[in-house]
Amino acid sequence: MARSPNILLICTDSLRTDALGFMGNPHAISPHANQLAREGVWFEQAHTVSPVCMPARCSLITGVYPPVHECLENGMGRRQDLETFVEKLNASGYTTIMAGKQHFGACPRFDRIIHPEASELSRLSMDGKFPTDRSFANTSQIIPDAVVVQQTIDAMREHQKRQSPFFAFCSLEAPHVPLIPPSRWMDKMMDFPLPDLNLSPGEESKLPHHQKKLLGLNANEGVENDDLKENPEYWIEAAGRSYDARFATAINAWRRRYYAFAAYADELLGRLLNALDELNLTQDTVVVFTSDHGQQYFDHGFNDKHCWYDESWRIPLIIRHPQVLPAGKREQFANWTDLTATILGIAGIKSENVQGYDLYTPLITGEPNPRSCVAATLFQSCALATREWKIEYYVEEHTGRLFDRVSDPKEQKNQWDSPQHQPIKQHLLLSLLRWQGELISVEKARQNLTAQAPDKGKDTVLVANRVAAAVQNWKGIDPDNHLHAMISTLNLNPIPRN
């Protein structure tokens, strides 16, 4: 029996799709990601399950959506009684390695955890190590991601001669703040043509109240003076910053720093890919490259994530397995629970609890991509994207937004109240709310069916037999299967476009 392949999961943080050449920006500096896309399968419509760090990362670890693992926002803990994919890989003989940023609460039991402390980074600085990986702002400061990448490479080298496969999760913080690229990338970005901003004046003021609350918009209005706004670092994310054309120079300097750090993240990706070649591991290793979410950087008028715009919700996703998966193939939809199912699928593990599709196996067998739309949650809101439509729903306000992704790809025309669009809105909304209503932990529901009867010493059914039979047949992917069935009927009733 052939050994399962190694798996190297490389995850960036806050990587926008327009920082990548293969995703459409001809000016983007991303040679290694472009190479990986040419050699693997990439998903044009990959989305995160929640456009914010912790909920997304908790979904990756558990394979279920945020309402199920219960981490709805940064700083909220996830349920600890849900099995993670790490335990499944460990039980199947994989050596598991976690390197870098976690941000998913309590860490599962990886065989090895790499997370350099400040004291180690200081020692490496004093020893003169990583001389080209110093922050442009402070040359005595090593960029931690460089150490994480090197120690991931060292761990793969140490494992090279073992009979068991490895799973290595190399989690980079770049290009998330603090934006600390090396000077050489800051220099290269001086002539980089920034992407045009996608905004119309004052559009952030029209956002739903729930969205404004998450973004903290207007929180500092009238408090801070204009002198502060001349500093590019004033325009940091998660501080309620709305675009102000008077300070375009400072804002663009901040954006330029972001793209410099994104280019540096691509350089680190190249180090990992080169190491696989040097260690003769490339043929036996499935590489998965992605990001937990994107970032606005003032598209639509603000700098944050916590929203359903494509700049934050869409993410890059590439899967490469040389001579096994087709090279240069472009697929459409995927989401982050699919990542969990795909990792398990690569390892030959099946799980009925995971709320995602295995994207790897259909690529081998030649079957079509099982996913044709995505749904996701963000605190007390949810959203659904199909090839043609995007709908957002805000529970608190009982309102939402609707965008035509074909005729309005920049999401500037909200069609929620358009009489012409009411039939499509109702169909999409019903599909989305049914999906959300079905989200449940299949794993825990089955465990709750029976309990030990102390007086009889045997399991006793606690619910009616007909209900128990139904629960036993539940699968984690049921909500998405039902969603796809409802969305498939949209093509039967097209509406005219403006």
Protein backbone atom coordinates (compact mmCIF):
# COMPACT_ATOMS: atom_id res chain seq x y z
CA MET A 1 0.00 0.00 0.00
CA ALA A 2 1.42 3.38 -1.05
CA ARG A 3 2.28 5.83 1.70
CA SER A 4 0.06 8.92 1.98
CA PRO A 5 1.75 12.08 0.71
CA ASN A 6 3.23 14.78 2.90
CA ILE A 7 1.11 17.92 3.26
CA LEU A 8 2.52 21.44 3.54
CA LEU A 9 -0.15 24.04 4.31
CA ILE A 10 1.16 27.60 3.82
CA CYS A 11 -1.18 30.26 5.14
CA THR A 12 -0.72 34.01 4.93
CA ASP A 13 -2.76 36.55 6.86
CA SER A 14 -4.82 39.31 5.18
CA LEU A 15 -3.53 38.57 1.67
CA ARG A 16 -5.66 40.35 -0.93
CA THR A 17 -6.15 38.69 -4.29
CA ASP A 18 -4.86 41.78 -6.10
CA ALA A 19 -1.44 41.22 -4.49
CA LEU A 20 -1.09 38.16 -6.74
CA GLY A 21 -0.36 38.23 -10.44
CA PHE A 22 -2.11 34.95 -11.25
CA MET A 23 -5.34 36.36 -9.81
CA GLY A 24 -5.46 39.22 -12.25
CA ASN A 25 -3.14 42.08 -11.26
CA PRO A 26 -0.40 42.27 -13.94
CA HIS A 27 1.66 44.58 -11.73
CA ALA A 28 1.66 42.34 -8.65
CA ILE A 29 5.03 40.99 -7.55
CA SER A 30 4.28 37.35 -6.79
CA PRO A 31 6.56 35.12 -8.90
CA HIS A 32 6.46 32.16 -6.53
CA ALA A 33 2.68 32.14 -6.09
CA ASN A 34 2.38 32.50 -9.87
CA GLN A 35 4.69 29.51 -10.32
CA LEU A 36 2.68 27.48 -7.84
CA ALA A 37 -0.54 28.31 -9.71
CA ARG A 38 1.03 27.20 -13.00
CA GLU A 39 2.07 23.92 -11.42
CA GLY A 40 -1.11 23.24 -9.46
CA VAL A 41 -4.85 23.86 -9.33
CA TRP A 42 -6.07 27.28 -8.27
CA PHE A 43 -9.54 28.41 -7.27
CA GLU A 44 -10.74 31.70 -8.69
CA GLN A 45 -13.70 31.97 -6.30
CA ALA A 46 -12.20 30.74 -3.04
CA HIS A 47 -13.72 32.39 0.05
CA THR A 48 -13.05 32.33 3.75
CA VAL A 49 -15.79 31.07 6.09
CA SER A 50 -15.67 34.36 8.01
CA PRO A 51 -13.64 37.44 7.02
CA VAL A 52 -11.87 37.76 10.35
CA CYS A 53 -8.92 35.83 11.79
CA MET A 54 -10.07 33.71 14.73
CA PRO A 55 -13.43 32.48 13.42
CA ALA A 56 -11.81 31.48 10.13
CA ARG A 57 -8.88 29.71 11.76
CA CYS A 58 -11.13 27.90 14.24
CA SER A 59 -13.16 26.65 11.27
CA LEU A 60 -10.01 25.37 9.60
CA ILE A 61 -8.97 23.45 12.71
CA THR A 62 -12.42 21.98 13.44
CA GLY A 63 -13.89 21.75 9.94
CA VAL A 64 -17.17 23.38 10.98
CA TYR A 65 -18.67 26.85 10.53
CA PRO A 66 -18.35 29.55 13.23
CA PRO A 67 -21.89 29.15 14.64
CA VAL A 68 -21.00 25.52 15.37
CA HIS A 69 -17.54 26.00 16.94
CA GLU A 70 -18.91 29.21 18.57
CA CYS A 71 -15.96 31.53 17.93
CA LEU A 72 -17.91 34.31 16.25
CA GLU A 73 -15.33 37.08 16.56
CA ASN A 74 -11.71 37.69 17.52
CA GLY A 75 -11.20 37.13 21.22
CA MET A 76 -14.02 34.60 21.59
CA GLY A 77 -12.98 31.05 22.43
CA ARG A 78 -14.04 28.05 20.38
CA ARG A 79 -15.71 24.94 21.75
CA GLN A 80 -13.11 22.55 23.10
CA ASP A 81 -15.24 19.41 22.76
CA LEU A 82 -14.97 19.25 18.96
CA GLU A 83 -12.37 16.99 17.39
CA THR A 84 -9.83 18.73 15.18
CA PHE A 85 -8.25 17.41 12.02
CA VAL A 86 -4.93 17.24 13.89
CA GLU A 87 -6.14 14.34 16.05
CA LYS A 88 -7.29 12.52 12.93
CA LEU A 89 -3.94 13.00 11.22
CA ASN A 90 -2.07 11.89 14.33
CA ALA A 91 -4.19 8.74 14.55
CA SER A 92 -3.46 7.99 10.89
CA GLY A 93 0.31 8.04 11.37
CA TYR A 94 1.13 11.58 10.30
CA THR A 95 3.77 13.59 12.12
CA THR A 96 2.11 16.96 12.68
CA ILE A 97 3.98 20.27 12.79
CA MET A 98 2.53 23.68 13.68
CA ALA A 99 4.74 26.66 12.83
CA GLY A 100 3.92 30.32 13.31
CA LYS A 101 0.69 32.17 13.97
CA GLN A 102 -2.10 30.11 15.53
CA HIS A 103 -4.94 32.41 16.62
CA PHE A 104 -7.42 29.56 17.04
CA GLY A 105 -7.53 29.37 20.81
CA ALA A 106 -6.17 26.29 22.54
CA CYS A 107 -3.68 24.59 20.24
CA PRO A 108 -4.42 20.99 19.26
CA ARG A 109 -1.81 18.34 20.04
CA PHE A 110 0.62 18.76 17.19
CA ASP A 111 3.73 16.62 17.51
CA ARG A 112 5.85 19.73 17.20
CA ILE A 113 4.99 23.40 17.71
CA ILE A 114 7.27 26.13 16.35
CA HIS A 115 6.55 29.60 17.64
CA PRO A 116 9.72 31.63 18.25
CA GLU A 117 9.60 33.73 21.39
CA ALA A 118 10.87 37.29 21.66
CA SER A 119 13.97 36.07 23.50
CA GLU A 120 14.85 33.71 20.64
CA LEU A 121 14.34 36.45 18.05
CA SER A 122 16.52 38.78 20.13
CA ARG A 123 19.27 36.17 20.36
CA LEU A 124 19.19 35.60 16.60
CA SER A 125 19.44 39.35 16.10
CA MET A 126 22.45 39.58 18.38
CA ASP A 127 24.06 36.62 16.60
CA GLY A 128 23.70 38.40 13.27
CA LYS A 129 21.38 35.75 11.89
CA PHE A 130 18.87 36.54 9.13
CA PRO A 131 20.67 39.72 8.02
CA THR A 132 18.36 40.31 5.03
CA ASP A 133 15.18 39.72 7.05
CA ARG A 134 15.15 42.87 9.14
CA SER A 135 12.34 45.41 9.31
CA PHE A 136 12.89 48.54 7.21
CA ALA A 137 11.91 50.57 10.27
CA ASN A 138 14.35 48.87 12.66
CA THR A 139 17.24 46.88 11.25
CA SER A 140 17.84 45.22 14.61
CA GLN A 141 14.37 43.64 14.43
CA ILE A 142 14.16 40.26 12.72
CA ILE A 143 10.89 39.65 10.91
CA PRO A 144 9.47 36.65 12.82
CA ASP A 145 8.08 35.00 9.69
CA ALA A 146 11.62 34.46 8.38
CA VAL A 147 12.44 32.41 11.47
CA VAL A 148 9.16 30.48 11.23
CA VAL A 149 9.89 29.57 7.60
CA GLN A 150 13.45 28.47 8.31
CA GLN A 151 12.41 26.36 11.30
CA THR A 152 9.64 24.78 9.19
CA ILE A 153 12.27 23.86 6.61
CA ASP A 154 14.50 22.45 9.35
CA ALA A 155 11.61 20.37 10.70
CA MET A 156 10.90 18.94 7.24
CA ARG A 157 14.59 18.15 6.81
CA GLU A 158 14.69 16.33 10.16
CA HIS A 159 11.64 14.31 9.17
CA GLN A 160 12.93 13.49 5.70
CA LYS A 161 14.19 9.96 6.41
CA ARG A 162 11.21 8.78 8.44
CA GLN A 163 8.74 6.31 7.01
CA SER A 164 5.68 8.27 8.12
CA PRO A 165 4.36 11.29 6.19
CA PHE A 166 4.29 14.76 7.72
CA PHE A 167 1.69 17.50 7.88
CA ALA A 168 3.32 20.92 8.31
CA PHE A 169 1.21 24.04 8.87
CA CYS A 170 3.44 27.05 8.14
CA SER A 171 1.36 30.04 9.21
CA LEU A 172 2.76 33.45 8.27
CA GLU A 173 1.64 36.71 9.80
CA ALA A 174 2.57 38.71 6.69
CA PRO A 175 1.11 40.80 5.20
CA HIS A 176 -0.94 41.53 8.34
CA VAL A 177 0.04 44.52 10.47
CA PRO A 178 2.53 45.47 11.76
CA LEU A 179 3.69 46.23 8.22
CA ILE A 180 7.44 45.60 8.61
CA PRO A 181 8.86 44.50 5.22
CA PRO A 182 12.63 44.66 4.59
CA SER A 183 14.04 47.83 3.09
CA ARG A 184 14.70 46.13 -0.25
CA TRP A 185 10.98 45.57 -0.74
CA MET A 186 10.12 49.10 0.32
CA ASP A 187 12.60 50.32 -2.31
CA LYS A 188 11.16 48.08 -5.02
CA MET A 189 7.66 49.30 -4.28
CA MET A 190 8.45 52.97 -4.85
CA ASP A 191 7.52 52.62 -8.54
CA PHE A 192 4.81 50.00 -8.00
CA PRO A 193 1.51 51.13 -9.57
CA LEU A 194 -1.04 50.84 -6.80
CA PRO A 195 -4.40 49.33 -7.82
CA ASP A 196 -7.10 51.95 -8.34
CA LEU A 197 -9.33 52.32 -5.29
CA ASN A 198 -12.80 50.87 -5.69
CA LEU A 199 -14.96 53.47 -3.96
CA SER A 200 -17.53 56.15 -4.47
CA PRO A 201 -17.56 59.18 -2.14
CA GLY A 202 -19.27 58.51 1.18
CA GLU A 203 -20.37 54.98 0.37
CA GLU A 204 -19.24 53.68 3.76
CA SER A 205 -21.94 55.86 5.35
CA LYS A 206 -24.58 53.73 3.62
CA LEU A 207 -23.44 50.45 5.18
CA PRO A 208 -25.88 48.54 7.42
CA HIS A 209 -25.70 49.50 11.08
CA HIS A 210 -24.37 46.06 12.06
CA GLN A 211 -21.52 46.46 9.58
CA LYS A 212 -20.63 49.94 10.86
CA LYS A 213 -20.60 48.63 14.41
CA LEU A 214 -18.14 45.84 13.56
CA LEU A 215 -15.94 48.27 11.65
CA GLY A 216 -16.04 51.00 14.30
CA LEU A 217 -16.75 53.62 11.67
CA ASN A 218 -17.02 57.21 12.92
CA ALA A 219 -15.77 56.16 16.35
CA ASN A 220 -13.00 58.77 16.24
CA GLU A 221 -14.83 61.43 14.30
CA GLY A 222 -14.03 64.89 15.65
CA VAL A 223 -11.51 63.54 18.16
CA GLU A 224 -8.21 63.35 16.30
CA ASN A 225 -6.61 66.33 14.56
CA ASP A 226 -5.48 66.46 10.96
CA ASP A 227 -1.78 66.47 11.84
CA LEU A 228 -2.05 62.84 12.92
CA LYS A 229 -3.54 61.90 9.57
CA GLU A 230 -0.40 62.96 7.71
CA ASN A 231 1.31 59.91 9.22
CA PRO A 232 0.77 56.76 7.13
CA GLU A 233 0.49 54.65 10.30
CA TYR A 234 -2.59 56.59 11.34
CA TRP A 235 -4.46 54.67 8.64
CA ILE A 236 -3.98 51.29 10.29
CA GLU A 237 -6.80 48.76 10.14
CA ALA A 238 -9.41 48.10 12.83
CA ALA A 239 -9.49 51.72 14.00
CA GLY A 240 -12.56 53.02 12.20
CA ARG A 241 -10.60 54.78 9.48
CA SER A 242 -12.71 56.18 6.62
CA TYR A 243 -11.08 57.35 3.42
CA ASP A 244 -10.26 61.05 3.28
CA ALA A 245 -9.04 62.33 -0.09
CA ARG A 246 -7.15 65.18 1.62
CA PHE A 247 -4.70 62.61 2.95
CA ALA A 248 -4.36 60.47 -0.17
CA THR A 249 -0.55 60.70 -0.01
CA ALA A 250 -0.39 59.20 3.49
CA ILE A 251 -3.03 56.58 2.67
CA ASN A 252 -1.19 55.50 -0.47
CA ALA A 253 2.08 55.30 1.46
CA TRP A 254 0.35 52.92 3.89
CA ARG A 255 -1.09 50.88 0.99
CA ARG A 256 2.33 50.74 -0.67
CA ARG A 257 3.82 49.35 2.54
CA TYR A 258 1.16 46.63 2.52
CA TYR A 259 2.00 45.51 -1.03
CA ALA A 260 5.71 45.50 -0.10
CA PHE A 261 4.96 43.14 2.78
CA ALA A 262 2.80 40.97 0.49
CA ALA A 263 5.74 40.70 -1.93
CA TYR A 264 7.94 39.65 0.99
CA ALA A 265 5.40 36.96 1.91
CA ASP A 266 5.76 35.66 -1.65
CA GLU A 267 9.54 35.58 -1.16
CA LEU A 268 9.03 33.40 1.91
CA LEU A 269 6.74 31.13 -0.09
CA GLY A 270 9.59 30.76 -2.58
CA ARG A 271 11.97 29.68 0.20
CA LEU A 272 9.58 26.91 1.21
CA LEU A 273 9.10 25.71 -2.38
CA ASN A 274 12.86 25.78 -3.03
CA ALA A 275 13.46 23.80 0.16
CA LEU A 276 11.08 21.07 -1.03
CA ASP A 277 13.13 20.82 -4.23
CA GLU A 278 16.45 20.72 -2.37
CA LEU A 279 15.17 18.05 0.03
CA ASN A 280 13.74 15.97 -2.83
CA LEU A 281 10.30 16.27 -1.25
CA THR A 282 8.45 18.07 -4.05
CA GLN A 283 6.99 14.98 -5.75
CA ASP A 284 5.78 13.48 -2.47
CA THR A 285 4.32 16.65 -0.94
CA VAL A 286 0.96 18.28 -1.53
CA VAL A 287 1.33 22.05 -1.15
CA VAL A 288 -1.72 24.09 -0.18
CA PHE A 289 -1.35 27.88 -0.31
CA THR A 290 -4.04 30.24 1.00
CA SER A 291 -4.94 33.13 3.31
CA ASP A 292 -7.41 33.40 6.19
CA HIS A 293 -9.10 36.49 4.66
CA GLY A 294 -8.35 39.61 2.65
CA GLN A 295 -8.46 43.26 3.64
CA GLN A 296 -10.14 46.43 2.37
CA TYR A 297 -7.31 49.00 2.40
CA PHE A 298 -9.89 51.67 1.57
CA ASP A 299 -11.75 49.95 -1.20
CA HIS A 300 -15.36 50.97 -0.49
CA GLY A 301 -14.03 53.70 1.77
CA PHE A 302 -12.55 52.05 4.87
CA ASN A 303 -9.60 49.98 6.08
CA ASP A 304 -10.65 46.76 7.79
CA LYS A 305 -12.06 43.33 7.01
CA HIS A 306 -15.26 42.37 8.89
CA CYS A 307 -17.33 42.75 5.74
CA TRP A 308 -18.65 40.83 2.74
CA TYR A 309 -16.91 42.79 0.00
CA ASP A 310 -14.78 40.66 -2.31
CA GLU A 311 -11.62 42.45 -1.19
CA SER A 312 -12.03 40.86 2.27
CA TRP A 313 -14.13 37.72 1.68
CA ARG A 314 -12.32 36.28 -1.35
CA ILE A 315 -8.97 34.60 -0.80
CA PRO A 316 -6.27 32.82 -2.81
CA LEU A 317 -6.20 29.01 -2.82
CA ILE A 318 -3.78 26.75 -4.72
CA ILE A 319 -3.32 22.98 -4.38
CA ARG A 320 -0.25 21.41 -6.01
CA HIS A 321 0.69 17.73 -6.20
CA PRO A 322 3.09 17.18 -9.10
CA GLN A 323 2.16 14.42 -11.55
CA VAL A 324 -0.99 13.71 -9.56
CA LEU A 325 -3.08 16.86 -9.93
CA PRO A 326 -3.40 18.68 -13.25
CA ALA A 327 -1.01 21.60 -13.70
CA GLY A 328 -2.40 25.06 -14.33
CA LYS A 329 -6.04 24.04 -13.92
CA ARG A 330 -8.44 26.78 -12.88
CA GLU A 331 -11.41 25.90 -10.70
CA GLN A 332 -14.10 28.14 -9.28
CA PHE A 333 -15.60 27.91 -5.78
CA ALA A 334 -14.00 26.74 -2.54
CA ASN A 335 -14.15 27.76 1.11
CA TRP A 336 -12.14 27.18 4.26
CA THR A 337 -14.14 24.25 5.59
CA ASP A 338 -13.26 22.62 2.26
CA LEU A 339 -9.63 23.01 3.30
CA THR A 340 -10.24 20.78 6.31
CA ALA A 341 -12.04 18.14 4.23
CA THR A 342 -9.32 18.36 1.57
CA ILE A 343 -6.47 17.87 4.06
CA LEU A 344 -8.25 14.79 5.39
CA GLY A 345 -8.95 13.62 1.84
CA ILE A 346 -5.27 13.88 0.91
CA ALA A 347 -4.51 11.69 3.93
CA GLY A 348 -7.18 9.18 2.93
CA ILE A 349 -9.36 10.00 5.95
CA LYS A 350 -13.13 10.32 5.78
CA SER A 351 -15.16 12.35 8.25
CA GLU A 352 -18.92 12.75 8.28
CA ASN A 353 -18.65 15.64 10.73
CA VAL A 354 -16.76 18.10 8.54
CA GLN A 355 -18.89 20.80 6.91
CA GLY A 356 -16.85 21.04 3.74
CA TYR A 357 -16.04 19.24 0.51
CA ASP A 358 -12.89 17.29 -0.26
CA LEU A 359 -11.54 19.16 -3.30
CA TYR A 360 -8.53 16.88 -3.82
CA THR A 361 -10.17 13.55 -4.65
CA PRO A 362 -12.43 14.86 -7.46
CA LEU A 363 -9.38 16.41 -9.12
CA ILE A 364 -7.75 12.99 -9.22
CA THR A 365 -10.83 11.13 -10.43
CA GLY A 366 -11.80 13.78 -12.96
CA GLU A 367 -15.11 14.55 -11.29
CA PRO A 368 -16.42 18.13 -11.26
CA ASN A 369 -15.78 20.49 -8.38
CA PRO A 370 -18.46 19.64 -5.79
CA ARG A 371 -18.86 23.30 -4.82
CA SER A 372 -20.67 25.87 -6.97
CA CYS A 373 -21.43 28.52 -4.33
CA VAL A 374 -20.33 29.54 -0.84
CA ALA A 375 -22.10 30.71 2.30
CA ALA A 376 -20.50 32.14 5.41
CA THR A 377 -21.18 33.95 8.68
CA LEU A 378 -19.79 37.08 10.30
CA PHE A 379 -20.90 37.63 13.89
CA GLN A 380 -24.68 38.21 13.52
CA SER A 381 -24.73 38.36 9.74
CA CYS A 382 -24.44 35.86 6.94
CA ALA A 383 -23.83 35.94 3.19
CA LEU A 384 -24.11 33.80 0.09
CA ALA A 385 -22.15 34.11 -3.16
CA THR A 386 -22.97 32.35 -6.40
CA ARG A 387 -21.35 32.93 -9.78
CA GLU A 388 -23.94 35.62 -10.53
CA TRP A 389 -25.16 36.95 -7.17
CA LYS A 390 -24.12 37.97 -3.69
CA ILE A 391 -26.62 38.44 -0.89
CA GLU A 392 -25.90 39.66 2.65
CA TYR A 393 -28.33 39.44 5.56
CA TYR A 394 -28.12 41.31 8.87
CA VAL A 395 -30.19 39.62 11.55
CA GLU A 396 -30.37 42.58 13.93
CA GLU A 397 -31.83 44.88 11.31
CA HIS A 398 -33.79 42.34 9.28
CA THR A 399 -32.26 43.84 6.18
CA GLY A 400 -29.47 43.10 3.76
CA ARG A 401 -27.80 43.87 0.47
CA LEU A 402 -27.88 42.25 -2.96
CA PHE A 403 -25.28 42.60 -5.71
CA ASP A 404 -25.22 41.39 -9.30
CA ARG A 405 -21.70 39.96 -9.60
CA VAL A 406 -21.87 39.83 -13.40
CA SER A 407 -23.02 43.36 -14.28
CA ASP A 408 -21.67 44.98 -11.08
CA PRO A 409 -18.41 43.17 -10.15
CA LYS A 410 -17.23 46.14 -8.07
CA GLU A 411 -20.33 45.88 -5.84
CA GLN A 412 -21.44 49.47 -6.17
CA LYS A 413 -25.18 48.96 -6.83
CA ASN A 414 -27.20 47.49 -3.98
CA GLN A 415 -30.31 45.87 -5.49
CA TRP A 416 -31.96 44.86 -2.20
CA ASP A 417 -34.96 47.18 -2.71
CA SER A 418 -35.12 46.89 -6.49
CA PRO A 419 -38.62 45.66 -7.51
CA GLN A 420 -37.12 43.84 -10.47
CA HIS A 421 -34.84 41.84 -8.16
CA GLN A 422 -37.37 40.76 -5.54
CA PRO A 423 -37.83 37.20 -6.90
CA ILE A 424 -34.08 36.51 -6.95
CA LYS A 425 -33.66 38.15 -3.53
CA GLN A 426 -36.34 35.98 -1.96
CA HIS A 427 -34.89 32.81 -3.45
CA LEU A 428 -31.35 33.61 -2.34
CA LEU A 429 -32.47 34.73 1.12
CA LEU A 430 -34.52 31.60 1.69
CA SER A 431 -31.58 29.47 0.55
CA LEU A 432 -29.17 31.30 2.84
CA LEU A 433 -31.39 31.19 5.93
CA ARG A 434 -32.15 27.51 5.44
CA TRP A 435 -28.42 26.86 5.25
CA GLN A 436 -27.76 28.83 8.42
CA GLY A 437 -30.64 27.17 10.24
CA GLU A 438 -29.25 23.71 9.50
CA LEU A 439 -25.80 24.38 10.94
CA ILE A 440 -25.25 22.03 13.84
CA SER A 441 -22.45 19.86 15.20
CA VAL A 442 -23.25 16.42 13.82
CA GLU A 443 -20.49 15.03 16.03
CA LYS A 444 -22.11 16.24 19.25
CA ALA A 445 -25.68 15.51 18.11
CA ARG A 446 -24.82 11.85 17.68
CA GLN A 447 -23.05 11.71 21.01
CA ASN A 448 -26.12 13.21 22.68
CA LEU A 449 -28.44 10.54 21.33
CA THR A 450 -27.56 8.07 24.06
CA ALA A 451 -26.35 8.24 27.61
CA GLN A 452 -25.26 5.69 30.14
CA ALA A 453 -28.16 4.55 32.33
CA PRO A 454 -26.61 4.14 35.82
CA ASP A 455 -29.28 1.71 37.02
CA LYS A 456 -29.11 -0.59 33.98
CA GLY A 457 -25.49 -0.27 32.91
CA LYS A 458 -26.36 0.11 29.24
CA ASP A 459 -27.05 2.81 26.69
CA THR A 460 -30.60 4.09 26.65
CA VAL A 461 -32.14 5.97 23.76
CA LEU A 462 -33.19 9.40 25.01
CA VAL A 463 -35.28 10.43 22.01
CA ALA A 464 -37.91 8.79 19.87
CA ASN A 465 -36.49 6.07 17.63
CA ARG A 466 -37.58 7.88 14.49
CA VAL A 467 -35.65 10.99 15.56
CA ALA A 468 -32.60 8.94 16.51
CA ALA A 469 -32.59 7.30 13.09
CA ALA A 470 -32.69 10.70 11.41
CA VAL A 471 -29.81 12.05 13.51
CA GLN A 472 -27.70 8.97 12.76
CA ASN A 473 -28.05 9.79 9.06
CA TRP A 474 -26.99 13.41 9.40
CA LYS A 475 -23.74 14.46 7.77
CA GLY A 476 -21.77 17.65 8.28
CA ILE A 477 -22.03 18.53 4.61
CA ASP A 478 -25.86 18.38 4.57
CA PRO A 479 -26.41 22.17 4.86
CA ASP A 480 -24.13 22.82 1.89
CA ASN A 481 -25.67 20.00 -0.13
CA HIS A 482 -29.14 21.44 0.44
CA LEU A 483 -27.89 24.93 -0.37
CA HIS A 484 -26.47 23.75 -3.68
CA ALA A 485 -29.74 22.02 -4.53
CA MET A 486 -31.69 25.24 -3.96
CA ILE A 487 -29.22 27.42 -5.85
CA SER A 488 -29.22 25.03 -8.83
CA THR A 489 -32.83 26.00 -9.55
CA LEU A 490 -31.88 29.67 -10.03
CA ASN A 491 -30.78 28.95 -13.58
CA LEU A 492 -34.31 27.84 -14.39
CA ASN A 493 -35.71 31.30 -13.73
CA PRO A 494 -33.26 33.94 -14.94
CA ILE A 495 -34.22 37.61 -14.62
CA PRO A 496 -33.33 40.36 -17.09
CA ARG A 497 -30.35 42.53 -16.25
CA ASN A 498 -30.11 46.28 -16.49
